[in-house]
PDB file of N, CA and C in Angstrom:
ATOM      1  N   UNK A   1    -241.392  81.589  83.766  1.00  0.00           N
ATOM      2  CA  UNK A   1    -242.424  82.630  84.043  1.00  0.00           C
ATOM      3  C   UNK A   1    -242.371  83.430  85.322  1.00  0.00           C
ATOM      4  N   UNK A   2    -242.433  84.712  85.198  1.00  0.00           N
ATOM      5  CA  UNK A   2    -242.225  85.467  86.381  1.00  0.00           C
ATOM      6  C   UNK A   2    -243.595  85.617  87.069  1.00  0.00           C
ATOM      7  N   UNK A   3    -243.401  85.572  88.547  1.00  0.00           N
ATOM      8  CA  UNK A   3    -244.704  85.700  89.219  1.00  0.00           C
ATOM      9  C   UNK A   3    -245.306  87.018  88.876  1.00  0.00           C
ATOM     10  N   UNK A   4    -246.744  86.872  88.832  1.00  0.00           N
ATOM     11  CA  UNK A   4    -247.647  88.161  88.195  1.00  0.00           C
ATOM     12  C   UNK A   4    -248.158  88.839  89.639  1.00  0.00           C
ATOM     13  N   UNK A   5    -247.718  90.141  89.917  1.00  0.00           N
ATOM     14  CA  UNK A   5    -248.046  90.720  91.099  1.00  0.00           C
ATOM     15  C   UNK A   5    -249.494  91.156  90.919  1.00  0.00           C
ATOM     16  N   UNK A   6    -250.231  90.983  89.914  1.00  0.00           N
ATOM     17  CA  UNK A   6    -251.713  91.262  89.701  1.00  0.00           C
ATOM     18  C   UNK A   6    -252.386  90.123  90.032  1.00  0.00           C
ATOM     19  N   UNK A   7    -251.703  88.941  90.483  1.00  0.00           N
ATOM     20  CA  UNK A   7    -252.454  87.614  91.013  1.00  0.00           C
ATOM     21  C   UNK A   7    -251.658  87.039  92.087  1.00  0.00           C
ATOM     22  N   UNK A   8    -251.799  87.760  93.168  1.00  0.00           N
ATOM     23  CA  UNK A   8    -251.211  87.317  94.296  1.00  0.00           C
ATOM     24  C   UNK A   8    -251.567  85.930  95.160  1.00  0.00           C
ATOM     25  N   UNK A   9    -253.048  85.956  94.660  1.00  0.00           N
ATOM     26  CA  UNK A   9    -253.626  84.554  95.461  1.00  0.00           C
ATOM     27  C   UNK A   9    -253.399  83.183  94.555  1.00  0.00           C
ATOM     28  N   UNK A  10    -252.704  83.443  93.485  1.00  0.00           N
ATOM     29  CA  UNK A  10    -252.568  82.223  92.685  1.00  0.00           C
ATOM     30  C   UNK A  10    -251.400  81.385  93.419  1.00  0.00           C
ATOM     31  N   UNK A  11    -251.663  80.091  93.554  1.00  0.00           N
ATOM     32  CA  UNK A  11    -250.741  79.152  94.243  1.00  0.00           C
ATOM     33  C   UNK A  11    -249.434  79.072  93.531  1.00  0.00           C
ATOM     34  N   UNK A  12    -248.497  79.002  94.220  1.00  0.00           N
ATOM     35  CA  UNK A  12    -247.167  78.676  93.613  1.00  0.00           C
ATOM     36  C   UNK A  12    -247.111  77.339  92.769  1.00  0.00           C
ATOM     37  N   UNK A  13    -248.095  76.476  93.088  1.00  0.00           N
ATOM     38  CA  UNK A  13    -248.274  75.277  92.369  1.00  0.00           C
ATOM     39  C   UNK A  13    -248.352  75.561  90.814  1.00  0.00           C
ATOM     40  N   UNK A  14    -249.073  76.768  90.367  1.00  0.00           N
ATOM     41  CA  UNK A  14    -249.013  76.921  88.973  1.00  0.00           C
ATOM     42  C   UNK A  14    -247.730  77.249  88.441  1.00  0.00           C
ATOM     43  N   UNK A  15    -246.882  77.977  89.071  1.00  0.00           N
ATOM     44  CA  UNK A  15    -245.595  78.381  88.741  1.00  0.00           C
ATOM     45  C   UNK A  15    -244.710  77.224  88.600  1.00  0.00           C
ATOM     46  N   UNK A  16    -244.849  76.349  89.557  1.00  0.00           N
ATOM     47  CA  UNK A  16    -243.928  75.018  89.591  1.00  0.00           C
ATOM     48  C   UNK A  16    -244.463  74.038  88.383  1.00  0.00           C
ATOM     49  N   UNK A  17    -245.723  74.211  88.114  1.00  0.00           N
ATOM     50  CA  UNK A  17    -246.189  73.228  86.969  1.00  0.00           C
ATOM     51  C   UNK A  17    -245.588  73.788  85.635  1.00  0.00           C
ATOM     52  N   UNK A  18    -245.755  75.074  85.622  1.00  0.00           N
ATOM     53  CA  UNK A  18    -245.314  75.665  84.331  1.00  0.00           C
ATOM     54  C   UNK A  18    -243.916  75.578  84.120  1.00  0.00           C
ATOM     55  N   UNK A  19    -242.962  75.538  85.219  1.00  0.00           N
ATOM     56  CA  UNK A  19    -241.535  75.331  85.119  1.00  0.00           C
ATOM     57  C   UNK A  19    -241.310  73.881  84.770  1.00  0.00           C
ATOM     58  N   UNK A  20    -242.009  73.084  85.347  1.00  0.00           N
ATOM     59  CA  UNK A  20    -241.829  71.679  85.086  1.00  0.00           C
ATOM     60  C   UNK A  20    -242.004  71.192  83.557  1.00  0.00           C
ATOM     61  N   UNK A  21    -243.148  71.816  82.929  1.00  0.00           N
ATOM     62  CA  UNK A  21    -243.507  71.619  81.819  1.00  0.00           C
ATOM     63  C   UNK A  21    -242.503  72.332  80.679  1.00  0.00           C
ATOM     64  N   UNK A  22    -241.827  73.474  81.091  1.00  0.00           N
ATOM     65  CA  UNK A  22    -241.161  74.169  80.248  1.00  0.00           C
ATOM     66  C   UNK A  22    -239.798  73.323  80.247  1.00  0.00           C
ATOM     67  N   UNK A  23    -239.357  72.842  81.401  1.00  0.00           N
ATOM     68  CA  UNK A  23    -238.083  72.003  81.314  1.00  0.00           C
ATOM     69  C   UNK A  23    -238.296  70.628  80.437  1.00  0.00           C
ATOM     70  N   UNK A  24    -239.451  69.966  80.673  1.00  0.00           N
ATOM     71  CA  UNK A  24    -239.862  68.930  79.850  1.00  0.00           C
ATOM     72  C   UNK A  24    -239.884  69.423  78.276  1.00  0.00           C
ATOM     73  N   UNK A  25    -240.235  70.412  77.937  1.00  0.00           N
ATOM     74  CA  UNK A  25    -240.375  70.805  76.591  1.00  0.00           C
ATOM     75  C   UNK A  25    -238.909  70.825  76.156  1.00  0.00           C
ATOM     76  N   UNK A  26    -238.085  71.620  76.848  1.00  0.00           N
ATOM     77  CA  UNK A  26    -236.789  71.774  76.568  1.00  0.00           C
ATOM     78  C   UNK A  26    -235.972  70.426  76.370  1.00  0.00           C
ATOM     79  N   UNK A  27    -236.041  69.580  77.205  1.00  0.00           N
ATOM     80  CA  UNK A  27    -235.653  68.251  77.464  1.00  0.00           C
ATOM     81  C   UNK A  27    -236.018  67.440  76.112  1.00  0.00           C
ATOM     82  N   UNK A  28    -237.221  67.390  75.693  1.00  0.00           N
ATOM     83  CA  UNK A  28    -237.883  66.630  74.566  1.00  0.00           C
ATOM     84  C   UNK A  28    -237.279  67.305  73.279  1.00  0.00           C
ATOM     85  N   UNK A  29    -237.059  68.644  73.093  1.00  0.00           N
ATOM     86  CA  UNK A  29    -236.420  69.276  71.875  1.00  0.00           C
ATOM     87  C   UNK A  29    -235.212  68.914  71.815  1.00  0.00           C
ATOM     88  N   UNK A  30    -234.463  68.888  72.855  1.00  0.00           N
ATOM     89  CA  UNK A  30    -232.848  68.490  72.872  1.00  0.00           C
ATOM     90  C   UNK A  30    -232.731  66.988  72.490  1.00  0.00           C
ATOM     91  N   UNK A  31    -233.618  66.162  73.095  1.00  0.00           N
ATOM     92  CA  UNK A  31    -233.512  64.710  72.751  1.00  0.00           C
ATOM     93  C   UNK A  31    -233.973  64.577  71.204  1.00  0.00           C
ATOM     94  N   UNK A  32    -234.947  65.251  70.708  1.00  0.00           N
ATOM     95  CA  UNK A  32    -235.350  65.141  69.261  1.00  0.00           C
ATOM     96  C   UNK A  32    -234.206  65.584  68.460  1.00  0.00           C
ATOM     97  N   UNK A  33    -233.598  66.712  68.779  1.00  0.00           N
ATOM     98  CA  UNK A  33    -232.522  67.212  68.038  1.00  0.00           C
ATOM     99  C   UNK A  33    -231.530  66.407  67.838  1.00  0.00           C
ATOM    100  N   UNK A  34    -231.226  65.519  68.951  1.00  0.00           N
ATOM    101  CA  UNK A  34    -229.970  64.595  69.024  1.00  0.00           C
ATOM    102  C   UNK A  34    -230.412  63.304  68.038  1.00  0.00           C
ATOM    103  N   UNK A  35    -231.492  63.143  67.988  1.00  0.00           N
ATOM    104  CA  UNK A  35    -231.985  62.014  67.327  1.00  0.00           C
ATOM    105  C   UNK A  35    -231.978  62.045  65.746  1.00  0.00           C
ATOM    106  N   UNK A  36    -232.046  63.346  65.198  1.00  0.00           N
ATOM    107  CA  UNK A  36    -231.963  63.615  63.888  1.00  0.00           C
ATOM    108  C   UNK A  36    -230.583  63.535  63.407  1.00  0.00           C
ATOM    109  N   UNK A  37    -230.551  62.930  62.230  1.00  0.00           N
ATOM    110  CA  UNK A  37    -229.175  62.611  61.719  1.00  0.00           C
ATOM    111  C   UNK A  37    -228.601  63.828  60.590  1.00  0.00           C
ATOM    112  N   UNK A  38    -229.549  64.368  59.813  1.00  0.00           N
ATOM    113  CA  UNK A  38    -229.299  65.131  58.664  1.00  0.00           C
ATOM    114  C   UNK A  38    -229.314  66.544  59.301  1.00  0.00           C
ATOM    115  N   UNK A  39    -228.316  67.196  58.875  1.00  0.00           N
ATOM    116  CA  UNK A  39    -228.311  68.828  59.302  1.00  0.00           C
ATOM    117  C   UNK A  39    -229.364  69.604  58.839  1.00  0.00           C
ATOM    118  N   UNK A  40    -229.827  69.236  57.675  1.00  0.00           N
ATOM    119  CA  UNK A  40    -231.065  69.963  57.103  1.00  0.00           C
ATOM    120  C   UNK A  40    -232.278  69.613  58.095  1.00  0.00           C
ATOM    121  N   UNK A  41    -232.497  68.433  58.629  1.00  0.00           N
ATOM    122  CA  UNK A  41    -233.604  68.130  59.355  1.00  0.00           C
ATOM    123  C   UNK A  41    -233.372  68.945  60.742  1.00  0.00           C
ATOM    124  N   UNK A  42    -231.950  68.967  61.428  1.00  0.00           N
ATOM    125  CA  UNK A  42    -231.858  69.734  62.455  1.00  0.00           C
ATOM    126  C   UNK A  42    -232.127  71.165  62.483  1.00  0.00           C
ATOM    127  N   UNK A  43    -231.639  71.806  61.267  1.00  0.00           N
ATOM    128  CA  UNK A  43    -231.988  73.062  61.077  1.00  0.00           C
ATOM    129  C   UNK A  43    -233.530  73.581  60.953  1.00  0.00           C
ATOM    130  N   UNK A  44    -234.124  72.665  60.402  1.00  0.00           N
ATOM    131  CA  UNK A  44    -235.684  72.768  60.158  1.00  0.00           C
ATOM    132  C   UNK A  44    -236.411  72.711  61.481  1.00  0.00           C
ATOM    133  N   UNK A  45    -235.828  71.694  62.495  1.00  0.00           N
ATOM    134  CA  UNK A  45    -236.375  71.850  63.773  1.00  0.00           C
ATOM    135  C   UNK A  45    -236.072  73.058  64.588  1.00  0.00           C
ATOM    136  N   UNK A  46    -234.662  73.400  64.403  1.00  0.00           N
ATOM    137  CA  UNK A  46    -234.367  74.633  65.105  1.00  0.00           C
ATOM    138  C   UNK A  46    -235.189  75.694  64.964  1.00  0.00           C
ATOM    139  N   UNK A  47    -235.396  75.986  63.425  1.00  0.00           N
ATOM    140  CA  UNK A  47    -236.264  77.136  63.012  1.00  0.00           C
ATOM    141  C   UNK A  47    -237.766  77.000  63.281  1.00  0.00           C
ATOM    142  N   UNK A  48    -238.376  75.831  63.340  1.00  0.00           N
ATOM    143  CA  UNK A  48    -239.438  75.433  63.905  1.00  0.00           C
ATOM    144  C   UNK A  48    -239.734  75.858  65.331  1.00  0.00           C
ATOM    145  N   UNK A  49    -238.632  75.447  66.111  1.00  0.00           N
ATOM    146  CA  UNK A  49    -238.921  75.708  67.636  1.00  0.00           C
ATOM    147  C   UNK A  49    -238.565  77.368  67.858  1.00  0.00           C
ATOM    148  N   UNK A  50    -237.839  78.124  67.032  1.00  0.00           N
ATOM    149  CA  UNK A  50    -237.711  79.281  67.260  1.00  0.00           C
ATOM    150  C   UNK A  50    -238.958  79.925  66.984  1.00  0.00           C
ATOM    151  N   UNK A  51    -239.606  79.553  65.924  1.00  0.00           N
ATOM    152  CA  UNK A  51    -240.940  80.136  65.447  1.00  0.00           C
ATOM    153  C   UNK A  51    -241.908  79.793  66.381  1.00  0.00           C
ATOM    154  N   UNK A  52    -241.890  78.642  66.968  1.00  0.00           N
ATOM    155  CA  UNK A  52    -242.866  78.424  67.999  1.00  0.00           C
ATOM    156  C   UNK A  52    -242.742  79.116  69.220  1.00  0.00           C
ATOM    157  N   UNK A  53    -241.495  79.323  69.678  1.00  0.00           N
ATOM    158  CA  UNK A  53    -241.271  80.298  70.988  1.00  0.00           C
ATOM    159  C   UNK A  53    -241.780  81.527  70.674  1.00  0.00           C
ATOM    160  N   UNK A  54    -241.644  82.264  69.461  1.00  0.00           N
ATOM    161  CA  UNK A  54    -242.041  83.603  69.150  1.00  0.00           C
ATOM    162  C   UNK A  54    -243.497  83.531  69.274  1.00  0.00           C
ATOM    163  N   UNK A  55    -244.080  82.392  68.780  1.00  0.00           N
ATOM    164  CA  UNK A  55    -245.679  82.202  68.946  1.00  0.00           C
ATOM    165  C   UNK A  55    -246.333  82.308  70.298  1.00  0.00           C
ATOM    166  N   UNK A  56    -245.261  81.301  71.238  1.00  0.00           N
ATOM    167  CA  UNK A  56    -245.607  81.283  72.720  1.00  0.00           C
ATOM    168  C   UNK A  56    -245.716  82.609  73.162  1.00  0.00           C
ATOM    169  N   UNK A  57    -244.581  83.350  73.081  1.00  0.00           N
ATOM    170  CA  UNK A  57    -244.277  84.571  73.757  1.00  0.00           C
ATOM    171  C   UNK A  57    -245.458  85.683  73.160  1.00  0.00           C
ATOM    172  N   UNK A  58    -245.801  85.792  72.023  1.00  0.00           N
ATOM    173  CA  UNK A  58    -246.787  86.650  71.556  1.00  0.00           C
ATOM    174  C   UNK A  58    -248.182  86.150  72.109  1.00  0.00           C
ATOM    175  N   UNK A  59    -248.466  84.917  72.403  1.00  0.00           N
ATOM    176  CA  UNK A  59    -249.620  84.415  72.833  1.00  0.00           C
ATOM    177  C   UNK A  59    -249.725  84.709  74.430  1.00  0.00           C
ATOM    178  N   UNK A  60    -248.745  84.552  75.089  1.00  0.00           N
ATOM    179  CA  UNK A  60    -248.461  84.923  76.445  1.00  0.00           C
ATOM    180  C   UNK A  60    -248.867  86.481  76.508  1.00  0.00           C
ATOM    181  N   UNK A  61    -248.556  87.337  75.733  1.00  0.00           N
ATOM    182  CA  UNK A  61    -248.595  88.776  75.851  1.00  0.00           C
ATOM    183  C   UNK A  61    -249.893  88.883  75.480  1.00  0.00           C
ATOM    184  N   UNK A  62    -250.664  88.433  74.576  1.00  0.00           N
ATOM    185  CA  UNK A  62    -252.092  88.442  74.462  1.00  0.00           C
ATOM    186  C   UNK A  62    -252.945  88.123  75.493  1.00  0.00           C
ATOM    187  N   UNK A  63    -252.544  87.025  76.267  1.00  0.00           N
ATOM    188  CA  UNK A  63    -253.045  86.503  77.648  1.00  0.00           C
ATOM    189  C   UNK A  63    -253.120  87.607  78.625  1.00  0.00           C
ATOM    190  N   UNK A  64    -251.853  88.292  78.786  1.00  0.00           N
ATOM    191  CA  UNK A  64    -251.792  89.335  79.559  1.00  0.00           C
ATOM    192  C   UNK A  64    -252.607  90.557  79.273  1.00  0.00           C
ATOM    193  N   UNK A  65    -252.966  90.951  78.139  1.00  0.00           N
ATOM    194  CA  UNK A  65    -253.912  91.946  77.829  1.00  0.00           C
ATOM    195  C   UNK A  65    -255.485  91.368  78.104  1.00  0.00           C
ATOM    196  N   UNK A  66    -255.670  90.311  77.349  1.00  0.00           N
ATOM    197  CA  UNK A  66    -256.982  89.891  77.434  1.00  0.00           C
ATOM    198  C   UNK A  66    -257.530  89.550  79.075  1.00  0.00           C
ATOM    199  N   UNK A  67    -256.721  89.066  79.671  1.00  0.00           N
ATOM    200  CA  UNK A  67    -256.969  88.716  81.244  1.00  0.00           C
ATOM    201  C   UNK A  67    -256.685  89.686  82.020  1.00  0.00           C
ATOM    202  N   UNK A  68    -256.411  90.828  81.669  1.00  0.00           N
ATOM    203  CA  UNK A  68    -255.943  91.858  82.687  1.00  0.00           C
ATOM    204  C   UNK A  68    -257.116  92.452  83.373  1.00  0.00           C
ATOM    205  N   UNK A  69    -257.951  91.578  84.166  1.00  0.00           N
ATOM    206  CA  UNK A  69    -259.155  91.944  84.672  1.00  0.00           C
ATOM    207  C   UNK A  69    -259.106  91.486  86.096  1.00  0.00           C
ATOM    208  N   UNK A  70    -259.614  92.347  87.017  1.00  0.00           N
ATOM    209  CA  UNK A  70    -259.482  92.161  88.484  1.00  0.00           C
ATOM    210  C   UNK A  70    -260.270  90.589  88.835  1.00  0.00           C
ATOM    211  N   UNK A  71    -259.839  89.857  89.511  1.00  0.00           N
ATOM    212  CA  UNK A  71    -260.370  88.667  90.081  1.00  0.00           C
ATOM    213  C   UNK A  71    -259.586  87.362  89.701  1.00  0.00           C
ATOM    214  N   UNK A  72    -259.459  86.462  90.635  1.00  0.00           N
ATOM    215  CA  UNK A  72    -258.657  85.387  90.536  1.00  0.00           C
ATOM    216  C   UNK A  72    -259.033  84.573  89.421  1.00  0.00           C
ATOM    217  N   UNK A  73    -260.376  84.485  89.015  1.00  0.00           N
ATOM    218  CA  UNK A  73    -260.895  83.471  87.865  1.00  0.00           C
ATOM    219  C   UNK A  73    -259.926  83.917  86.713  1.00  0.00           C
ATOM    220  N   UNK A  74    -259.682  85.020  86.351  1.00  0.00           N
ATOM    221  CA  UNK A  74    -259.008  85.535  85.282  1.00  0.00           C
ATOM    222  C   UNK A  74    -257.438  85.009  85.249  1.00  0.00           C
ATOM    223  N   UNK A  75    -256.888  85.354  86.499  1.00  0.00           N
ATOM    224  CA  UNK A  75    -255.654  84.809  86.716  1.00  0.00           C
ATOM    225  C   UNK A  75    -255.313  83.343  86.719  1.00  0.00           C
ATOM    226  N   UNK A  76    -256.288  82.700  86.903  1.00  0.00           N
ATOM    227  CA  UNK A  76    -256.283  81.245  86.931  1.00  0.00           C
ATOM    228  C   UNK A  76    -256.433  80.831  85.472  1.00  0.00           C
ATOM    229  N   UNK A  77    -257.197  81.396  84.616  1.00  0.00           N
ATOM    230  CA  UNK A  77    -257.341  81.063  83.222  1.00  0.00           C
ATOM    231  C   UNK A  77    -256.098  81.309  82.499  1.00  0.00           C
ATOM    232  N   UNK A  78    -255.399  82.558  82.860  1.00  0.00           N
ATOM    233  CA  UNK A  78    -254.125  82.830  82.085  1.00  0.00           C
ATOM    234  C   UNK A  78    -253.039  81.770  82.624  1.00  0.00           C
ATOM    235  N   UNK A  79    -253.015  81.487  83.684  1.00  0.00           N
ATOM    236  CA  UNK A  79    -251.790  80.322  84.099  1.00  0.00           C
ATOM    237  C   UNK A  79    -252.234  79.179  83.555  1.00  0.00           C
ATOM    238  N   UNK A  80    -253.570  78.578  83.568  1.00  0.00           N
ATOM    239  CA  UNK A  80    -253.874  77.339  83.114  1.00  0.00           C
ATOM    240  C   UNK A  80    -253.591  77.210  81.576  1.00  0.00           C
ATOM    241  N   UNK A  81    -253.826  78.443  80.637  1.00  0.00           N
ATOM    242  CA  UNK A  81    -253.470  78.359  79.255  1.00  0.00           C
ATOM    243  C   UNK A  81    -252.108  78.314  78.934  1.00  0.00           C
ATOM    244  N   UNK A  82    -251.368  78.998  79.745  1.00  0.00           N
ATOM    245  CA  UNK A  82    -249.692  79.091  79.708  1.00  0.00           C
ATOM    246  C   UNK A  82    -249.302  77.824  79.878  1.00  0.00           C
ATOM    247  N   UNK A  83    -249.680  76.923  81.058  1.00  0.00           N
ATOM    248  CA  UNK A  83    -249.261  75.682  81.144  1.00  0.00           C
ATOM    249  C   UNK A  83    -249.677  74.870  80.095  1.00  0.00           C
ATOM    250  N   UNK A  84    -250.805  74.924  79.637  1.00  0.00           N
ATOM    251  CA  UNK A  84    -251.362  74.078  78.625  1.00  0.00           C
ATOM    252  C   UNK A  84    -250.699  74.246  77.183  1.00  0.00           C
ATOM    253  N   UNK A  85    -250.327  75.374  76.834  1.00  0.00           N
ATOM    254  CA  UNK A  85    -249.609  75.749  75.770  1.00  0.00           C
ATOM    255  C   UNK A  85    -248.327  74.962  75.615  1.00  0.00           C
ATOM    256  N   UNK A  86    -247.539  75.159  76.738  1.00  0.00           N
ATOM    257  CA  UNK A  86    -246.270  74.607  76.839  1.00  0.00           C
ATOM    258  C   UNK A  86    -246.237  73.049  77.049  1.00  0.00           C
ATOM    259  N   UNK A  87    -247.061  72.636  77.805  1.00  0.00           N
ATOM    260  CA  UNK A  87    -247.481  71.161  77.944  1.00  0.00           C
ATOM    261  C   UNK A  87    -247.709  70.441  76.551  1.00  0.00           C
ATOM    262  N   UNK A  88    -248.529  70.968  75.667  1.00  0.00           N
ATOM    263  CA  UNK A  88    -248.794  70.659  74.503  1.00  0.00           C
ATOM    264  C   UNK A  88    -247.544  70.575  73.485  1.00  0.00           C
ATOM    265  N   UNK A  89    -246.701  71.441  73.545  1.00  0.00           N
ATOM    266  CA  UNK A  89    -245.673  71.511  72.810  1.00  0.00           C
ATOM    267  C   UNK A  89    -244.858  70.337  73.163  1.00  0.00           C
ATOM    268  N   UNK A  90    -244.435  70.125  74.516  1.00  0.00           N
ATOM    269  CA  UNK A  90    -243.666  69.209  74.926  1.00  0.00           C
ATOM    270  C   UNK A  90    -244.103  67.867  74.624  1.00  0.00           C
ATOM    271  N   UNK A  91    -245.485  67.592  74.582  1.00  0.00           N
ATOM    272  CA  UNK A  91    -246.034  66.268  74.348  1.00  0.00           C
ATOM    273  C   UNK A  91    -245.915  66.124  72.744  1.00  0.00           C
ATOM    274  N   UNK A  92    -245.743  67.164  71.937  1.00  0.00           N
ATOM    275  CA  UNK A  92    -245.916  67.189  70.433  1.00  0.00           C
ATOM    276  C   UNK A  92    -244.413  66.832  70.109  1.00  0.00           C
ATOM    277  N   UNK A  93    -243.460  67.340  70.855  1.00  0.00           N
ATOM    278  CA  UNK A  93    -241.986  66.994  70.443  1.00  0.00           C
ATOM    279  C   UNK A  93    -241.661  65.671  71.086  1.00  0.00           C
ATOM    280  N   UNK A  94    -242.230  65.169  72.038  1.00  0.00           N
ATOM    281  CA  UNK A  94    -242.113  63.778  72.521  1.00  0.00           C
ATOM    282  C   UNK A  94    -242.674  62.906  71.362  1.00  0.00           C
ATOM    283  N   UNK A  95    -243.876  63.125  70.896  1.00  0.00           N
ATOM    284  CA  UNK A  95    -244.502  62.372  69.899  1.00  0.00           C
ATOM    285  C   UNK A  95    -243.532  62.282  68.478  1.00  0.00           C
ATOM    286  N   UNK A  96    -242.955  63.263  68.271  1.00  0.00           N
ATOM    287  CA  UNK A  96    -242.188  63.279  67.191  1.00  0.00           C
ATOM    288  C   UNK A  96    -240.938  62.250  67.239  1.00  0.00           C
ATOM    289  N   UNK A  97    -240.093  62.435  68.525  1.00  0.00           N
ATOM    290  CA  UNK A  97    -239.179  61.615  68.929  1.00  0.00           C
ATOM    291  C   UNK A  97    -239.486  60.139  68.795  1.00  0.00           C
ATOM    292  N   UNK A  98    -240.664  59.750  69.374  1.00  0.00           N
ATOM    293  CA  UNK A  98    -241.153  58.352  69.476  1.00  0.00           C
ATOM    294  C   UNK A  98    -241.419  57.878  68.023  1.00  0.00           C
ATOM    295  N   UNK A  99    -241.738  58.829  67.136  1.00  0.00           N
ATOM    296  CA  UNK A  99    -242.295  58.504  65.690  1.00  0.00           C
ATOM    297  C   UNK A  99    -240.835  58.044  64.965  1.00  0.00           C
ATOM    298  N   UNK A 100    -239.915  58.819  65.320  1.00  0.00           N
ATOM    299  CA  UNK A 100    -238.552  58.703  64.685  1.00  0.00           C
ATOM    300  C   UNK A 100    -237.864  57.309  65.062  1.00  0.00           C
ATOM    301  N   UNK A 101    -238.033  57.046  66.491  1.00  0.00           N
ATOM    302  CA  UNK A 101    -237.484  55.874  66.882  1.00  0.00           C
ATOM    303  C   UNK A 101    -238.046  54.651  66.341  1.00  0.00           C
ATOM    304  N   UNK A 102    -239.251  54.629  65.958  1.00  0.00           N
ATOM    305  CA  UNK A 102    -239.786  53.487  65.433  1.00  0.00           C
ATOM    306  C   UNK A 102    -239.613  53.184  64.040  1.00  0.00           C
ATOM    307  N   UNK A 103    -238.970  54.152  63.320  1.00  0.00           N
ATOM    308  CA  UNK A 103    -238.768  53.811  61.824  1.00  0.00           C
ATOM    309  C   UNK A 103    -237.622  52.872  61.591  1.00  0.00           C
TER     310      UNK A 103
END
């Protein structure tokens, strides 16, 4: 996530939180990919993750347009939604891994 010059008052904490969840998502994806044994399963996960990343990027672009309104409230909303989207994907990938480990 690149710092947004339109939101100079947003704490660096939001950027650190996003970076941490982005790393967690990548780690969970890598761990899940290693857990899969069949090449078809790995390919399906790779395709799903690529599609999710495209969805994420398009969603972030929509946030940039929707929340391009002066005021810290809108900047905070944009950052919270970005963090939440990536956090949810990281947790989703973790749950998939945990389900596969139980079988």
